[in-house]
Amino acid sequence: MEHIKKEEAELYNGDGFSGMDYPTIDKDINFAIVKINGKSPKKGYQTNTNCKELLYIMEGNGILNKKGERQKIEFEQGDVLLIDKGESYAFEGHFTAAVPRTPAWTPEQHEYIEE
């Protein structure tokens, strides 16, 4: 069992997003709170090469765009999104999401992809 206090969370800011990563010693799963304001990333798409992300939309709403597909997924507070490893995506909107990630997310496996 592991207990991670809010004070231990690492704050970050990026390309259209901000959030808090909760550090853990577990390599199988970790957790973040992510806030999107506008388009993220600002240009192109992003992907995680090694982990799945499950987003529970705590507040707000937005659109998930998957590279290569015309369909846009509109979501709102209370919805859940599952993004598989290797999927290229971008967000539009203003929302906050609780995000467990498995296996544990690391900055090295996050990539930006041009359009």
N, C-alpha and C. Protein backbone atom coordinates (compact mmCIF):
# COMPACT_ATOMS: atom_id res chain seq x y z
N MET A 1 0.85 -1.17 0.00
CA MET A 1 0.00 0.00 0.00
C MET A 1 0.89 1.23 0.00
N GLU A 2 0.40 2.25 -0.66
CA GLU A 2 1.16 3.50 -0.74
C GLU A 2 0.19 4.67 -0.58
N HIS A 3 0.60 5.69 0.15
CA HIS A 3 -0.20 6.89 0.36
C HIS A 3 0.60 8.08 -0.16
N ILE A 4 0.02 8.81 -1.10
CA ILE A 4 0.69 9.98 -1.67
C ILE A 4 -0.13 11.21 -1.33
N LYS A 5 0.44 12.10 -0.59
CA LYS A 5 -0.27 13.32 -0.18
C LYS A 5 -0.24 14.36 -1.29
N LYS A 6 -1.24 15.20 -1.29
CA LYS A 6 -1.36 16.26 -2.29
C LYS A 6 -0.09 17.12 -2.32
N GLU A 7 0.49 17.35 -1.15
CA GLU A 7 1.69 18.19 -1.07
C GLU A 7 2.88 17.57 -1.80
N GLU A 8 2.83 16.26 -2.05
CA GLU A 8 3.92 15.57 -2.74
C GLU A 8 3.78 15.64 -4.26
N ALA A 9 2.62 16.05 -4.74
CA ALA A 9 2.38 16.10 -6.18
C ALA A 9 3.30 17.13 -6.84
N GLU A 10 3.75 16.78 -8.03
CA GLU A 10 4.63 17.64 -8.81
C GLU A 10 3.80 18.44 -9.80
N LEU A 11 3.82 19.76 -9.67
CA LEU A 11 3.07 20.64 -10.57
C LEU A 11 3.82 20.78 -11.88
N TYR A 12 3.07 20.88 -12.99
CA TYR A 12 3.71 21.07 -14.29
C TYR A 12 2.81 21.91 -15.19
N ASN A 13 3.43 22.52 -16.19
CA ASN A 13 2.75 23.27 -17.23
C ASN A 13 3.33 22.85 -18.56
N GLY A 14 2.46 22.78 -19.57
CA GLY A 14 2.94 22.37 -20.89
C GLY A 14 2.21 23.09 -21.99
N ASP A 15 2.15 22.49 -23.14
CA ASP A 15 1.59 23.03 -24.36
C ASP A 15 0.06 22.99 -24.30
N GLY A 16 -0.56 23.97 -23.62
CA GLY A 16 -2.01 24.03 -23.51
C GLY A 16 -2.58 23.27 -22.33
N PHE A 17 -1.71 22.81 -21.42
CA PHE A 17 -2.19 22.05 -20.28
C PHE A 17 -1.37 22.36 -19.04
N SER A 18 -1.91 21.98 -17.90
CA SER A 18 -1.20 22.03 -16.64
C SER A 18 -1.72 20.87 -15.80
N GLY A 19 -1.06 20.61 -14.70
CA GLY A 19 -1.54 19.52 -13.88
C GLY A 19 -0.66 19.21 -12.71
N MET A 20 -0.97 18.07 -12.10
CA MET A 20 -0.24 17.58 -10.94
C MET A 20 0.01 16.08 -11.14
N ASP A 21 1.27 15.69 -11.12
CA ASP A 21 1.65 14.28 -11.15
C ASP A 21 1.89 13.82 -9.73
N TYR A 22 1.26 12.71 -9.37
CA TYR A 22 1.46 12.13 -8.05
C TYR A 22 2.54 11.07 -8.15
N PRO A 23 3.69 11.29 -7.50
CA PRO A 23 4.79 10.33 -7.62
C PRO A 23 4.45 9.02 -6.92
N THR A 24 4.91 7.93 -7.49
CA THR A 24 4.68 6.61 -6.90
C THR A 24 5.87 5.72 -7.19
N ILE A 25 6.08 4.74 -6.35
CA ILE A 25 7.16 3.78 -6.59
C ILE A 25 6.67 2.64 -7.47
N ASP A 26 5.38 2.58 -7.71
CA ASP A 26 4.78 1.51 -8.51
C ASP A 26 5.00 1.78 -9.99
N LYS A 27 5.56 0.81 -10.69
CA LYS A 27 5.82 0.96 -12.14
C LYS A 27 4.62 0.53 -12.99
N ASP A 28 3.59 -0.07 -12.36
CA ASP A 28 2.44 -0.57 -13.10
C ASP A 28 1.35 0.48 -13.30
N ILE A 29 1.30 1.50 -12.45
CA ILE A 29 0.24 2.51 -12.54
C ILE A 29 0.68 3.78 -11.83
N ASN A 30 0.23 4.93 -12.33
CA ASN A 30 0.38 6.18 -11.60
C ASN A 30 -0.80 7.07 -11.92
N PHE A 31 -0.80 8.30 -11.38
CA PHE A 31 -2.00 9.12 -11.39
C PHE A 31 -1.64 10.59 -11.56
N ALA A 32 -2.54 11.31 -12.25
CA ALA A 32 -2.36 12.75 -12.43
C ALA A 32 -3.73 13.43 -12.46
N ILE A 33 -3.72 14.71 -12.18
CA ILE A 33 -4.85 15.60 -12.44
C ILE A 33 -4.40 16.50 -13.57
N VAL A 34 -5.16 16.55 -14.66
CA VAL A 34 -4.79 17.33 -15.83
C VAL A 34 -5.84 18.40 -16.10
N LYS A 35 -5.37 19.61 -16.40
CA LYS A 35 -6.26 20.72 -16.77
C LYS A 35 -5.91 21.16 -18.19
N ILE A 36 -6.92 21.19 -19.06
CA ILE A 36 -6.74 21.63 -20.44
C ILE A 36 -7.45 22.97 -20.60
N ASN A 37 -6.76 23.92 -21.19
CA ASN A 37 -7.32 25.24 -21.45
C ASN A 37 -7.06 25.60 -22.90
N GLY A 38 -8.04 25.33 -23.76
CA GLY A 38 -7.88 25.62 -25.18
C GLY A 38 -7.55 24.37 -25.95
N LYS A 39 -6.50 24.43 -26.79
CA LYS A 39 -6.08 23.29 -27.60
C LYS A 39 -4.78 22.74 -27.04
N SER A 40 -4.71 21.43 -26.92
CA SER A 40 -3.50 20.79 -26.42
C SER A 40 -3.25 19.50 -27.18
N PRO A 41 -2.11 19.40 -27.86
CA PRO A 41 -1.10 20.44 -27.98
C PRO A 41 -1.57 21.57 -28.91
N LYS A 42 -0.87 22.67 -28.88
CA LYS A 42 -1.25 23.83 -29.70
C LYS A 42 -1.22 23.49 -31.19
N LYS A 43 -0.25 22.66 -31.62
CA LYS A 43 -0.14 22.23 -33.01
C LYS A 43 0.03 20.72 -33.03
N GLY A 44 -0.58 20.07 -33.99
CA GLY A 44 -0.39 18.64 -34.17
C GLY A 44 -1.10 17.80 -33.12
N TYR A 45 -0.45 16.69 -32.77
CA TYR A 45 -1.02 15.69 -31.88
C TYR A 45 0.02 15.26 -30.86
N GLN A 46 -0.40 14.44 -29.93
CA GLN A 46 0.51 13.85 -28.96
C GLN A 46 0.20 12.37 -28.82
N THR A 47 1.16 11.61 -28.32
CA THR A 47 0.95 10.19 -28.10
C THR A 47 1.77 9.75 -26.90
N ASN A 48 1.31 8.69 -26.28
CA ASN A 48 2.08 8.02 -25.23
C ASN A 48 2.43 6.65 -25.77
N THR A 49 3.71 6.39 -25.89
CA THR A 49 4.16 5.17 -26.55
C THR A 49 4.07 3.93 -25.67
N ASN A 50 3.86 4.12 -24.37
CA ASN A 50 3.94 2.96 -23.48
C ASN A 50 2.76 2.79 -22.53
N CYS A 51 1.86 3.76 -22.40
CA CYS A 51 0.80 3.60 -21.40
C CYS A 51 -0.57 3.94 -21.95
N LYS A 52 -1.58 3.35 -21.30
CA LYS A 52 -2.97 3.71 -21.53
C LYS A 52 -3.33 4.79 -20.52
N GLU A 53 -4.23 5.68 -20.91
CA GLU A 53 -4.71 6.71 -20.01
C GLU A 53 -6.23 6.62 -19.94
N LEU A 54 -6.75 6.67 -18.74
CA LEU A 54 -8.19 6.69 -18.51
C LEU A 54 -8.51 8.04 -17.91
N LEU A 55 -9.29 8.86 -18.62
CA LEU A 55 -9.61 10.20 -18.14
C LEU A 55 -11.04 10.24 -17.63
N TYR A 56 -11.20 10.60 -16.37
CA TYR A 56 -12.52 10.88 -15.82
C TYR A 56 -12.66 12.40 -15.80
N ILE A 57 -13.66 12.93 -16.51
CA ILE A 57 -13.82 14.37 -16.64
C ILE A 57 -14.51 14.90 -15.38
N MET A 58 -13.72 15.59 -14.55
CA MET A 58 -14.21 16.09 -13.27
C MET A 58 -15.06 17.35 -13.43
N GLU A 59 -14.65 18.20 -14.36
CA GLU A 59 -15.41 19.43 -14.64
C GLU A 59 -15.09 19.91 -16.04
N GLY A 60 -16.04 20.64 -16.62
CA GLY A 60 -15.86 21.20 -17.95
C GLY A 60 -16.27 20.26 -19.06
N ASN A 61 -15.81 20.59 -20.27
CA ASN A 61 -16.13 19.78 -21.45
C ASN A 61 -15.10 20.03 -22.53
N GLY A 62 -15.15 19.20 -23.57
CA GLY A 62 -14.18 19.36 -24.64
C GLY A 62 -14.43 18.40 -25.78
N ILE A 63 -13.43 18.36 -26.66
CA ILE A 63 -13.45 17.50 -27.84
C ILE A 63 -12.12 16.76 -27.90
N LEU A 64 -12.19 15.45 -28.19
CA LEU A 64 -11.00 14.64 -28.41
C LEU A 64 -10.91 14.36 -29.90
N ASN A 65 -9.80 14.77 -30.50
CA ASN A 65 -9.55 14.54 -31.93
C ASN A 65 -8.48 13.46 -32.05
N LYS A 66 -8.78 12.40 -32.81
CA LYS A 66 -7.81 11.34 -33.04
C LYS A 66 -7.22 11.54 -34.44
N LYS A 67 -5.89 11.50 -34.53
CA LYS A 67 -5.22 11.71 -35.81
C LYS A 67 -5.69 10.67 -36.82
N GLY A 68 -5.99 11.15 -38.04
CA GLY A 68 -6.39 10.28 -39.11
C GLY A 68 -7.87 9.95 -39.15
N GLU A 69 -8.63 10.46 -38.21
CA GLU A 69 -10.07 10.20 -38.20
C GLU A 69 -10.83 11.52 -38.19
N ARG A 70 -11.91 11.56 -38.93
CA ARG A 70 -12.71 12.79 -38.99
C ARG A 70 -13.64 12.93 -37.79
N GLN A 71 -13.99 11.81 -37.17
CA GLN A 71 -14.91 11.85 -36.04
C GLN A 71 -14.25 12.54 -34.85
N LYS A 72 -15.00 13.44 -34.26
CA LYS A 72 -14.55 14.13 -33.05
C LYS A 72 -15.43 13.63 -31.91
N ILE A 73 -14.80 13.30 -30.80
CA ILE A 73 -15.53 12.81 -29.64
C ILE A 73 -15.77 13.98 -28.70
N GLU A 74 -17.03 14.35 -28.54
CA GLU A 74 -17.39 15.40 -27.60
C GLU A 74 -17.66 14.78 -26.24
N PHE A 75 -17.14 15.40 -25.19
CA PHE A 75 -17.31 14.87 -23.84
C PHE A 75 -17.59 16.00 -22.86
N GLU A 76 -18.11 15.60 -21.69
CA GLU A 76 -18.48 16.57 -20.66
C GLU A 76 -18.26 15.96 -19.28
N GLN A 77 -18.50 16.77 -18.26
CA GLN A 77 -18.33 16.34 -16.87
C GLN A 77 -19.03 15.00 -16.64
N GLY A 78 -18.32 14.08 -15.98
CA GLY A 78 -18.87 12.77 -15.67
C GLY A 78 -18.54 11.70 -16.70
N ASP A 79 -18.06 12.09 -17.89
CA ASP A 79 -17.69 11.12 -18.93
C ASP A 79 -16.30 10.53 -18.65
N VAL A 80 -16.04 9.39 -19.27
CA VAL A 80 -14.74 8.73 -19.18
C VAL A 80 -14.21 8.51 -20.60
N LEU A 81 -12.94 8.79 -20.80
CA LEU A 81 -12.25 8.55 -22.07
C LEU A 81 -11.12 7.56 -21.83
N LEU A 82 -10.96 6.59 -22.71
CA LEU A 82 -9.84 5.66 -22.65
C LEU A 82 -8.98 5.89 -23.88
N ILE A 83 -7.73 6.25 -23.66
CA ILE A 83 -6.79 6.46 -24.75
C ILE A 83 -5.73 5.36 -24.66
N ASP A 84 -5.64 4.56 -25.72
CA ASP A 84 -4.72 3.44 -25.74
C ASP A 84 -3.30 3.92 -26.06
N LYS A 85 -2.32 3.14 -25.66
CA LYS A 85 -0.94 3.50 -25.98
C LYS A 85 -0.77 3.55 -27.49
N GLY A 86 0.00 4.51 -27.95
CA GLY A 86 0.27 4.65 -29.37
C GLY A 86 -0.77 5.43 -30.16
N GLU A 87 -1.92 5.75 -29.56
CA GLU A 87 -2.92 6.56 -30.27
C GLU A 87 -2.47 8.01 -30.29
N SER A 88 -2.63 8.67 -31.43
CA SER A 88 -2.27 10.09 -31.56
C SER A 88 -3.53 10.90 -31.43
N TYR A 89 -3.50 11.89 -30.52
CA TYR A 89 -4.71 12.64 -30.19
C TYR A 89 -4.39 14.08 -29.82
N ALA A 90 -5.44 14.90 -29.83
CA ALA A 90 -5.36 16.29 -29.39
C ALA A 90 -6.68 16.64 -28.72
N PHE A 91 -6.61 17.54 -27.76
CA PHE A 91 -7.80 18.00 -27.05
C PHE A 91 -8.12 19.44 -27.44
N GLU A 92 -9.41 19.76 -27.38
CA GLU A 92 -9.89 21.15 -27.45
C GLU A 92 -10.90 21.30 -26.34
N GLY A 93 -10.85 22.40 -25.61
CA GLY A 93 -11.84 22.63 -24.57
C GLY A 93 -11.24 23.17 -23.31
N HIS A 94 -12.07 23.18 -22.29
CA HIS A 94 -11.68 23.66 -20.97
C HIS A 94 -12.22 22.65 -19.97
N PHE A 95 -11.32 21.83 -19.41
CA PHE A 95 -11.77 20.78 -18.51
C PHE A 95 -10.65 20.35 -17.57
N THR A 96 -11.06 19.65 -16.51
CA THR A 96 -10.14 19.04 -15.56
C THR A 96 -10.46 17.55 -15.53
N ALA A 97 -9.42 16.71 -15.57
CA ALA A 97 -9.61 15.27 -15.59
C ALA A 97 -8.71 14.58 -14.57
N ALA A 98 -9.24 13.54 -13.94
CA ALA A 98 -8.45 12.62 -13.11
C ALA A 98 -7.96 11.52 -14.03
N VAL A 99 -6.65 11.23 -14.01
CA VAL A 99 -6.06 10.35 -15.02
C VAL A 99 -5.15 9.28 -14.41
N PRO A 100 -5.69 8.06 -14.19
CA PRO A 100 -4.79 6.95 -13.90
C PRO A 100 -4.15 6.47 -15.20
N ARG A 101 -2.87 6.05 -15.11
CA ARG A 101 -2.14 5.64 -16.30
C ARG A 101 -1.42 4.32 -16.04
N THR A 102 -1.53 3.39 -16.99
CA THR A 102 -0.91 2.09 -16.81
C THR A 102 -0.27 1.60 -18.10
N PRO A 103 0.97 1.07 -18.06
CA PRO A 103 1.86 1.17 -16.92
C PRO A 103 2.17 2.62 -16.61
N ALA A 104 2.88 2.84 -15.54
CA ALA A 104 3.15 4.20 -15.08
C ALA A 104 3.72 5.08 -16.19
N TRP A 105 3.17 6.28 -16.33
CA TRP A 105 3.60 7.25 -17.33
C TRP A 105 4.96 7.83 -16.95
N THR A 106 5.79 8.07 -17.97
CA THR A 106 7.06 8.78 -17.78
C THR A 106 7.19 9.82 -18.89
N PRO A 107 7.87 10.91 -18.64
CA PRO A 107 8.03 11.95 -19.68
C PRO A 107 8.71 11.43 -20.94
N GLU A 108 9.58 10.45 -20.82
CA GLU A 108 10.33 9.94 -21.98
C GLU A 108 9.43 9.27 -23.01
N GLN A 109 8.29 8.76 -22.60
CA GLN A 109 7.42 8.05 -23.54
C GLN A 109 6.34 8.95 -24.14
N HIS A 110 6.34 10.23 -23.78
CA HIS A 110 5.36 11.17 -24.33
C HIS A 110 5.99 11.88 -25.53
N GLU A 111 5.28 11.85 -26.67
CA GLU A 111 5.81 12.45 -27.89
C GLU A 111 4.80 13.37 -28.54
N TYR A 112 5.31 14.43 -29.15
CA TYR A 112 4.47 15.31 -29.97
C TYR A 112 4.62 14.91 -31.43
N ILE A 113 3.51 14.96 -32.19
CA ILE A 113 3.51 14.54 -33.58
C ILE A 113 2.97 15.69 -34.43
N GLU A 114 3.65 15.99 -35.49
CA GLU A 114 3.19 17.05 -36.38
C GLU A 114 2.00 16.56 -37.18
N GLU A 115 1.23 17.50 -37.71
CA GLU A 115 0.03 17.17 -38.47
C GLU A 115 0.45 16.45 -39.69
